[in-house]
C-alpha atoms as a PDB file:
ATOM      1  CA  UNK A   1    -130.763 -72.333 -63.541  1.00  0.00           C
ATOM      2  CA  UNK A   2    -132.579 -70.912 -60.605  1.00  0.00           C
ATOM      3  CA  UNK A   3    -134.626 -72.756 -57.820  1.00  0.00           C
ATOM      4  CA  UNK A   4    -138.396 -72.178 -58.236  1.00  0.00           C
ATOM      5  CA  UNK A   5    -141.289 -72.666 -55.690  1.00  0.00           C
ATOM      6  CA  UNK A   6    -144.056 -74.549 -56.861  1.00  0.00           C
ATOM      7  CA  UNK A   7    -146.974 -72.209 -57.166  1.00  0.00           C
ATOM      8  CA  UNK A   8    -148.864 -73.648 -60.541  1.00  0.00           C
ATOM      9  CA  UNK A   9    -151.045 -76.324 -59.908  1.00  0.00           C
ATOM     10  CA  UNK A  10    -150.587 -77.623 -63.754  1.00  0.00           C
ATOM     11  CA  UNK A  11    -146.961 -78.598 -62.904  1.00  0.00           C
ATOM     12  CA  UNK A  12    -147.862 -81.021 -59.428  1.00  0.00           C
ATOM     13  CA  UNK A  13    -148.548 -84.326 -61.423  1.00  0.00           C
ATOM     14  CA  UNK A  14    -145.289 -83.944 -63.657  1.00  0.00           C
ATOM     15  CA  UNK A  15    -143.057 -82.823 -60.227  1.00  0.00           C
ATOM     16  CA  UNK A  16    -144.690 -85.644 -58.063  1.00  0.00           C
ATOM     17  CA  UNK A  17    -143.552 -88.331 -60.795  1.00  0.00           C
ATOM     18  CA  UNK A  18    -139.994 -86.548 -60.495  1.00  0.00           C
ATOM     19  CA  UNK A  19    -139.960 -87.014 -56.881  1.00  0.00           C
ATOM     20  CA  UNK A  20    -141.440 -90.706 -57.047  1.00  0.00           C
ATOM     21  CA  UNK A  21    -138.828 -91.819 -59.394  1.00  0.00           C
ATOM     22  CA  UNK A  22    -136.060 -90.551 -57.143  1.00  0.00           C
ATOM     23  CA  UNK A  23    -137.659 -91.877 -53.871  1.00  0.00           C
ATOM     24  CA  UNK A  24    -140.189 -94.434 -54.438  1.00  0.00           C
ATOM     25  CA  UNK A  25    -142.713 -92.569 -52.239  1.00  0.00           C
ATOM     26  CA  UNK A  26    -146.268 -93.218 -53.789  1.00  0.00           C
ATOM     27  CA  UNK A  27    -146.915 -90.507 -56.162  1.00  0.00           C
ATOM     28  CA  UNK A  28    -150.422 -89.963 -54.574  1.00  0.00           C
ATOM     29  CA  UNK A  29    -148.530 -88.797 -51.461  1.00  0.00           C
ATOM     30  CA  UNK A  30    -146.715 -86.160 -53.395  1.00  0.00           C
ATOM     31  CA  UNK A  31    -149.586 -84.817 -55.048  1.00  0.00           C
ATOM     32  CA  UNK A  32    -151.474 -84.466 -51.915  1.00  0.00           C
ATOM     33  CA  UNK A  33    -148.726 -82.733 -50.103  1.00  0.00           C
ATOM     34  CA  UNK A  34    -148.013 -80.172 -52.976  1.00  0.00           C
ATOM     35  CA  UNK A  35    -152.017 -79.514 -53.326  1.00  0.00           C
ATOM     36  CA  UNK A  36    -151.714 -78.778 -49.610  1.00  0.00           C
ATOM     37  CA  UNK A  37    -148.677 -76.548 -50.120  1.00  0.00           C
ATOM     38  CA  UNK A  38    -150.547 -74.423 -52.534  1.00  0.00           C
ATOM     39  CA  UNK A  39    -153.304 -73.578 -49.990  1.00  0.00           C
ATOM     40  CA  UNK A  40    -151.006 -73.490 -46.936  1.00  0.00           C
ATOM     41  CA  UNK A  41    -150.675 -70.181 -44.948  1.00  0.00           C
ATOM     42  CA  UNK A  42    -147.593 -71.215 -43.022  1.00  0.00           C
ATOM     43  CA  UNK A  43    -145.344 -72.198 -45.546  1.00  0.00           C
ATOM     44  CA  UNK A  44    -145.329 -75.816 -44.606  1.00  0.00           C
ATOM     45  CA  UNK A  45    -145.318 -77.947 -46.984  1.00  0.00           C
ATOM     46  CA  UNK A  46    -143.543 -75.993 -49.575  1.00  0.00           C
ATOM     47  CA  UNK A  47    -141.883 -77.534 -52.814  1.00  0.00           C
ATOM     48  CA  UNK A  48    -139.373 -76.263 -54.957  1.00  0.00           C
ATOM     49  CA  UNK A  49    -137.747 -77.535 -58.241  1.00  0.00           C
ATOM     50  CA  UNK A  50    -134.912 -76.616 -60.758  1.00  0.00           C
ATOM     51  CA  UNK A  51    -135.856 -77.261 -64.564  1.00  0.00           C
ATOM     52  CA  UNK A  52    -133.265 -77.393 -66.994  1.00  0.00           C
ATOM     53  CA  UNK A  53    -134.764 -77.327 -70.881  1.00  0.00           C
ATOM     54  CA  UNK A  54    -138.122 -77.926 -69.465  1.00  0.00           C
ATOM     55  CA  UNK A  55    -137.168 -80.978 -67.429  1.00  0.00           C
ATOM     56  CA  UNK A  56    -137.110 -81.399 -63.806  1.00  0.00           C
ATOM     57  CA  UNK A  57    -133.424 -81.908 -62.732  1.00  0.00           C
ATOM     58  CA  UNK A  58    -133.498 -81.259 -58.943  1.00  0.00           C
ATOM     59  CA  UNK A  59    -136.240 -80.511 -56.388  1.00  0.00           C
ATOM     60  CA  UNK A  60    -136.816 -80.489 -52.630  1.00  0.00           C
ATOM     61  CA  UNK A  61    -139.731 -80.243 -50.140  1.00  0.00           C
ATOM     62  CA  UNK A  62    -140.501 -78.604 -46.814  1.00  0.00           C
ATOM     63  CA  UNK A  63    -142.636 -81.102 -45.206  1.00  0.00           C
ATOM     64  CA  UNK A  64    -143.602 -81.995 -41.572  1.00  0.00           C
ATOM     65  CA  UNK A  65    -141.766 -84.772 -39.886  1.00  0.00           C
ATOM     66  CA  UNK A  66    -143.116 -88.199 -41.458  1.00  0.00           C
ATOM     67  CA  UNK A  67    -142.819 -91.855 -40.752  1.00  0.00           C
ATOM     68  CA  UNK A  68    -141.891 -92.617 -44.209  1.00  0.00           C
ATOM     69  CA  UNK A  69    -138.549 -94.517 -44.036  1.00  0.00           C
ATOM     70  CA  UNK A  70    -136.731 -94.308 -47.057  1.00  0.00           C
ATOM     71  CA  UNK A  71    -133.211 -96.504 -47.634  1.00  0.00           C
ATOM     72  CA  UNK A  72    -130.525 -94.283 -49.497  1.00  0.00           C
END
């Protein structure tokens, strides 16, 4: 099990749903950020994930400061 950087556009939708299910931020916001990350020359945003048996089990995003407030 190792952390992978998102570089495959084909994973975006499923990874966005994974994050949405955890944090309840709209899927579209994740999709847009992940697409931006694939084009970014600065490294922000960047998205990372861990999969076990093909299933996402963990992830993180390096993003610019946002005004989204999430209850934990």
